[in-house]
């Protein structure tokens, strides 16, 4: 196992920086698109970051000096939930706070991706603490690599985490965030329309999302880079019409979507055939 250390200086007192590490709105202002945090020892640590579901628990909460969490990813065999440790050390310095991130118990193959991730997100923390409203984050890590006889082999990103983050975003009404998980040249096939660009798929979703009143828990199946979802989109005219989607994911981006549903089920009652 390996360790990665990095730090950044922020022009704000430790107590202000601390809030950005232990609150849902604070952490998602600079890292991730969704969070559920319970900042007490043994409390839940859950943040969806770039299509990955980071999961663990708070191990130490010492305001405003230190936050330590266990860290891993749902569905990841090499770094499962809670299998590594991230410590944020906050030290007062002249003019502000030094934040040191110490990430331990990392598999060797995961060090480059996490090093690149912390190098990307810590400057965003600085900007968020300064009060800047940051645009949605579109960063994606490089593919993890393993070696066989000295030859680097790419390992695809966790397809299920990417698809679930996409699904959670658009069914909650955030089409912009959903599209951060989609490739620019995505191919999409639906009963009433086929599209070949991200912009066109944005327009397709944007037409449907205002009709949506809910999307109850879905079933799922995965095989390699393919993920299938089944769920029940709820609108003013239907709550029991099944929808299914088959996704292909490569490099942390959705490259193909095949959507199936009964179009007649979404027509107003007076327009449905008798």
Protein backbone atom coordinates (compact mmCIF):
# COMPACT_ATOMS: atom_id res chain seq x y z
CA UNK A 1 0.00 0.00 0.00
CA UNK A 2 1.09 3.57 -0.71
CA UNK A 3 0.62 7.08 0.64
CA UNK A 4 0.06 10.42 -1.09
CA UNK A 5 0.57 13.80 0.58
CA UNK A 6 -0.20 17.25 -0.74
CA UNK A 7 -1.09 20.66 0.70
CA UNK A 8 -2.44 24.08 -0.20
CA UNK A 9 -2.54 27.46 1.54
CA UNK A 10 -5.90 29.21 1.79
CA UNK A 11 -6.55 32.84 2.75
CA UNK A 12 -9.17 32.08 5.38
CA UNK A 13 -9.14 31.03 9.05
CA UNK A 14 -9.26 27.30 9.90
CA UNK A 15 -12.81 27.42 11.25
CA UNK A 16 -14.11 28.68 7.90
CA UNK A 17 -12.18 26.09 5.88
CA UNK A 18 -13.36 23.35 8.26
CA UNK A 19 -17.00 23.91 7.31
CA UNK A 20 -16.18 23.04 3.68
CA UNK A 21 -15.01 19.58 4.80
CA UNK A 22 -17.93 18.50 6.99
CA UNK A 23 -21.15 19.82 5.42
CA UNK A 24 -23.03 18.57 2.35
CA UNK A 25 -23.21 21.99 0.68
CA UNK A 26 -19.66 22.83 1.70
CA UNK A 27 -17.96 19.78 0.21
CA UNK A 28 -20.03 19.74 -2.99
CA UNK A 29 -19.14 23.39 -3.63
CA UNK A 30 -15.64 22.19 -4.56
CA UNK A 31 -15.67 18.39 -4.89
CA UNK A 32 -18.43 16.11 -6.09
CA UNK A 33 -21.99 16.53 -7.24
CA UNK A 34 -23.84 15.01 -4.27
CA UNK A 35 -22.99 14.34 -0.62
CA UNK A 36 -24.48 12.92 2.56
CA UNK A 37 -22.24 13.61 5.55
CA UNK A 38 -22.67 12.89 9.26
CA UNK A 39 -19.52 14.48 10.75
CA UNK A 40 -19.17 12.50 13.97
CA UNK A 41 -16.83 9.54 14.59
CA UNK A 42 -18.51 6.55 12.96
CA UNK A 43 -20.82 8.82 10.93
CA UNK A 44 -21.56 8.38 7.24
CA UNK A 45 -19.21 9.83 4.61
CA UNK A 46 -20.71 9.64 1.11
CA UNK A 47 -19.76 11.85 -1.84
CA UNK A 48 -20.35 11.21 -5.55
CA UNK A 49 -17.28 12.46 -7.43
CA UNK A 50 -16.84 12.38 -11.21
CA UNK A 51 -19.08 9.37 -11.60
CA UNK A 52 -17.58 7.53 -8.61
CA UNK A 53 -19.44 6.87 -5.35
CA UNK A 54 -16.88 7.58 -2.60
CA UNK A 55 -18.03 5.81 0.55
CA UNK A 56 -16.66 5.48 4.06
CA UNK A 57 -17.10 6.97 7.52
CA UNK A 58 -15.78 9.78 9.66
CA UNK A 59 -12.97 8.49 11.88
CA UNK A 60 -11.94 11.75 13.55
CA UNK A 61 -13.64 15.15 13.71
CA UNK A 62 -11.58 17.71 15.66
CA UNK A 63 -12.77 21.22 14.74
CA UNK A 64 -11.09 23.20 13.42
CA UNK A 65 -7.87 21.17 13.26
CA UNK A 66 -8.47 17.79 11.69
CA UNK A 67 -10.95 15.67 9.75
CA UNK A 68 -10.17 12.02 9.02
CA UNK A 69 -12.37 9.71 6.96
CA UNK A 70 -12.18 6.22 5.56
CA UNK A 71 -12.36 6.25 1.77
CA UNK A 72 -13.16 3.90 -1.08
CA UNK A 73 -15.60 3.45 -3.96
CA UNK A 74 -18.80 1.46 -4.27
CA UNK A 75 -18.35 -1.43 -6.69
CA UNK A 76 -14.55 -1.04 -6.83
CA UNK A 77 -12.65 -4.25 -6.15
CA UNK A 78 -9.21 -2.67 -5.71
CA UNK A 79 -10.38 0.22 -3.48
CA UNK A 80 -13.72 -0.76 -1.88
CA UNK A 81 -15.61 1.54 0.51
CA UNK A 82 -13.63 2.45 3.62
CA UNK A 83 -10.42 0.68 2.56
CA UNK A 84 -8.13 3.75 2.58
CA UNK A 85 -7.85 6.78 4.86
CA UNK A 86 -7.90 10.51 4.07
CA UNK A 87 -6.86 13.05 6.69
CA UNK A 88 -7.29 16.80 6.30
CA UNK A 89 -4.90 18.65 8.63
CA UNK A 90 -5.65 22.38 9.11
CA UNK A 91 -2.80 24.51 10.43
CA UNK A 92 -3.02 28.29 11.04
CA UNK A 93 -0.43 30.24 9.08
CA UNK A 94 0.19 33.91 8.49
CA UNK A 95 -2.75 35.11 6.43
CA UNK A 96 -4.82 31.94 6.57
CA UNK A 97 -4.72 28.15 6.76
CA UNK A 98 -2.52 25.40 5.40
CA UNK A 99 -4.54 22.35 4.45
CA UNK A 100 -2.51 19.15 4.22
CA UNK A 101 -4.16 16.09 2.71
CA UNK A 102 -2.67 12.74 3.72
CA UNK A 103 -4.13 9.79 1.80
CA UNK A 104 -2.89 6.42 3.09
CA UNK A 105 -3.47 2.72 2.34
CA UNK A 106 -3.80 3.32 -1.39
CA UNK A 107 -3.06 0.49 -3.84
CA UNK A 108 -0.06 1.49 -5.97
CA UNK A 109 -2.19 1.61 -9.12
CA UNK A 110 -4.55 4.13 -7.55
CA UNK A 111 -1.92 6.67 -6.50
CA UNK A 112 -1.60 8.55 -9.84
CA UNK A 113 -5.37 9.00 -10.17
CA UNK A 114 -5.75 10.27 -6.61
CA UNK A 115 -2.72 12.53 -6.93
CA UNK A 116 -4.28 14.09 -10.02
CA UNK A 117 -7.63 14.32 -8.25
CA UNK A 118 -6.33 16.18 -5.20
CA UNK A 119 -4.28 18.45 -7.46
CA UNK A 120 -7.51 19.32 -9.27
CA UNK A 121 -9.88 19.68 -6.31
CA UNK A 122 -7.78 21.54 -3.74
CA UNK A 123 -7.55 24.72 -5.88
CA UNK A 124 -11.34 24.49 -6.19
CA UNK A 125 -11.54 24.37 -2.39
CA UNK A 126 -9.55 27.61 -2.27
CA UNK A 127 -11.95 29.29 -4.68
CA UNK A 128 -15.04 27.98 -2.89
CA UNK A 129 -13.81 29.20 0.50
CA UNK A 130 -13.24 32.62 -1.08
CA UNK A 131 -16.94 32.72 -1.95
CA UNK A 132 -16.72 31.95 -5.65
CA UNK A 133 -19.66 30.10 -7.21
CA UNK A 134 -17.88 27.44 -9.23
CA UNK A 135 -19.29 25.99 -12.46
CA UNK A 136 -20.24 22.29 -12.50
CA UNK A 137 -17.10 20.19 -12.38
CA UNK A 138 -16.36 18.11 -15.49
CA UNK A 139 -12.99 16.64 -14.44
CA UNK A 140 -12.46 12.94 -15.04
CA UNK A 141 -9.56 10.83 -13.76
CA UNK A 142 -7.29 9.04 -16.17
CA UNK A 143 -7.92 5.29 -16.42
CA UNK A 144 -6.32 3.27 -13.65
CA UNK A 145 -3.52 1.03 -14.82
CA UNK A 146 -2.36 -2.41 -13.75
CA UNK A 147 0.61 -4.30 -15.08
CA UNK A 148 1.02 -7.75 -16.56
CA UNK A 149 4.61 -8.72 -17.32
CA UNK A 150 5.58 -5.07 -17.18
CA UNK A 151 2.96 -3.90 -19.69
CA UNK A 152 0.51 -1.22 -18.54
CA UNK A 153 -3.09 -2.24 -19.07
CA UNK A 154 -5.95 0.27 -18.89
CA UNK A 155 -8.77 -0.59 -16.51
CA UNK A 156 -12.13 1.00 -17.27
CA UNK A 157 -13.83 3.22 -14.73
CA UNK A 158 -16.63 1.86 -12.60
CA UNK A 159 -19.50 1.83 -15.08
CA UNK A 160 -22.26 1.38 -12.50
CA UNK A 161 -21.19 4.41 -10.44
CA UNK A 162 -21.14 6.57 -13.57
CA UNK A 163 -24.59 5.44 -14.68
CA UNK A 164 -26.16 5.81 -11.24
CA UNK A 165 -24.74 9.34 -10.85
CA UNK A 166 -26.17 10.22 -14.28
CA UNK A 167 -29.56 8.71 -13.43
CA UNK A 168 -29.74 10.41 -10.04
CA UNK A 169 -28.93 13.79 -11.60
CA UNK A 170 -31.46 13.86 -14.43
CA UNK A 171 -34.31 12.29 -12.43
CA UNK A 172 -33.84 15.02 -9.81
CA UNK A 173 -34.14 17.66 -12.55
CA UNK A 174 -30.46 18.54 -12.99
CA UNK A 175 -29.91 17.87 -16.69
CA UNK A 176 -26.69 19.92 -16.76
CA UNK A 177 -25.07 17.77 -14.11
CA UNK A 178 -26.32 14.57 -15.74
CA UNK A 179 -24.63 15.51 -19.00
CA UNK A 180 -21.22 15.79 -17.27
CA UNK A 181 -21.25 11.97 -17.24
CA UNK A 182 -21.96 11.72 -20.98
CA UNK A 183 -19.44 11.70 -23.84
CA UNK A 184 -19.58 14.54 -26.37
CA UNK A 185 -20.18 12.04 -29.19
CA UNK A 186 -22.68 9.90 -27.32
CA UNK A 187 -25.11 7.82 -29.38
CA UNK A 188 -28.64 7.67 -27.99
CA UNK A 189 -31.53 5.54 -29.19
CA UNK A 190 -35.08 6.16 -27.95
CA UNK A 191 -38.51 5.03 -29.20
CA UNK A 192 -39.24 8.39 -30.80
CA UNK A 193 -35.81 9.80 -31.55
CA UNK A 194 -32.19 8.83 -32.19
CA UNK A 195 -29.44 11.38 -31.53
CA UNK A 196 -25.67 11.41 -31.96
CA UNK A 197 -24.51 14.45 -29.96
CA UNK A 198 -24.55 15.43 -26.29
CA UNK A 199 -26.37 18.69 -27.09
CA UNK A 200 -29.20 16.85 -28.82
CA UNK A 201 -29.54 14.45 -25.88
CA UNK A 202 -29.60 17.45 -23.54
CA UNK A 203 -32.56 18.84 -25.49
CA UNK A 204 -34.30 15.45 -25.43
CA UNK A 205 -34.00 15.13 -21.64
CA UNK A 206 -34.91 18.78 -21.08
CA UNK A 207 -38.24 18.20 -22.81
CA UNK A 208 -39.11 15.26 -20.56
CA UNK A 209 -37.73 16.31 -17.16
CA UNK A 210 -40.40 19.00 -16.48
CA UNK A 211 -43.05 16.26 -16.77
CA UNK A 212 -41.32 14.04 -14.19
CA UNK A 213 -42.76 13.87 -10.66
CA UNK A 214 -40.71 10.93 -9.43
CA UNK A 215 -38.63 7.88 -10.36
CA UNK A 216 -38.96 5.09 -7.79
CA UNK A 217 -36.08 2.75 -6.96
CA UNK A 218 -34.72 0.99 -10.02
CA UNK A 219 -33.29 -2.45 -10.65
CA UNK A 220 -29.91 -2.82 -12.29
CA UNK A 221 -27.60 -5.31 -13.94
CA UNK A 222 -23.98 -4.88 -14.98
CA UNK A 223 -21.58 -6.77 -17.20
CA UNK A 224 -18.20 -5.19 -17.88
CA UNK A 225 -18.70 -1.74 -19.38
CA UNK A 226 -22.46 -2.22 -19.86
CA UNK A 227 -25.16 -1.34 -17.34
CA UNK A 228 -28.92 -1.91 -17.57
CA UNK A 229 -31.43 0.02 -15.43
CA UNK A 230 -35.16 -0.56 -14.93
CA UNK A 231 -37.32 2.07 -13.21
CA UNK A 232 -40.78 3.65 -13.18
CA UNK A 233 -40.79 7.32 -14.28
CA UNK A 234 -43.77 9.05 -12.70
CA UNK A 235 -45.64 11.88 -14.42
CA UNK A 236 -49.09 13.43 -14.13
CA UNK A 237 -50.50 10.70 -16.37
CA UNK A 238 -48.55 7.59 -15.36
CA UNK A 239 -46.84 5.99 -12.38
CA UNK A 240 -46.57 2.35 -13.43
CA UNK A 241 -45.09 2.48 -16.93
CA UNK A 242 -41.73 0.71 -16.90
CA UNK A 243 -38.71 2.28 -18.57
CA UNK A 244 -35.38 0.58 -19.24
CA UNK A 245 -32.01 1.89 -20.33
CA UNK A 246 -28.92 0.07 -21.53
CA UNK A 247 -25.68 2.04 -21.18
CA UNK A 248 -22.17 1.52 -22.48
CA UNK A 249 -19.48 3.29 -20.42
CA UNK A 250 -15.86 3.83 -21.40
CA UNK A 251 -13.25 5.91 -19.59
CA UNK A 252 -15.78 7.16 -17.04
CA UNK A 253 -18.12 8.52 -19.73
CA UNK A 254 -21.39 7.17 -21.10
CA UNK A 255 -20.86 6.59 -24.82
CA UNK A 256 -24.16 4.90 -25.71
CA UNK A 257 -27.71 4.95 -24.31
CA UNK A 258 -30.54 2.71 -25.49
CA UNK A 259 -33.82 3.79 -23.93
CA UNK A 260 -37.04 1.76 -24.10
CA UNK A 261 -40.51 2.71 -22.85
CA UNK A 262 -44.14 2.69 -24.00
CA UNK A 263 -44.76 6.12 -25.55
CA UNK A 264 -48.54 5.68 -25.31
CA UNK A 265 -48.30 5.47 -21.54
CA UNK A 266 -47.22 9.11 -21.39
CA UNK A 267 -50.05 10.54 -23.45
CA UNK A 268 -52.88 12.37 -21.66
CA UNK A 269 -55.85 10.08 -21.08
CA UNK A 270 -57.98 11.74 -23.77
CA UNK A 271 -55.25 11.03 -26.37
CA UNK A 272 -54.73 7.37 -25.52
CA UNK A 273 -56.28 4.81 -27.88
CA UNK A 274 -59.42 3.11 -26.58
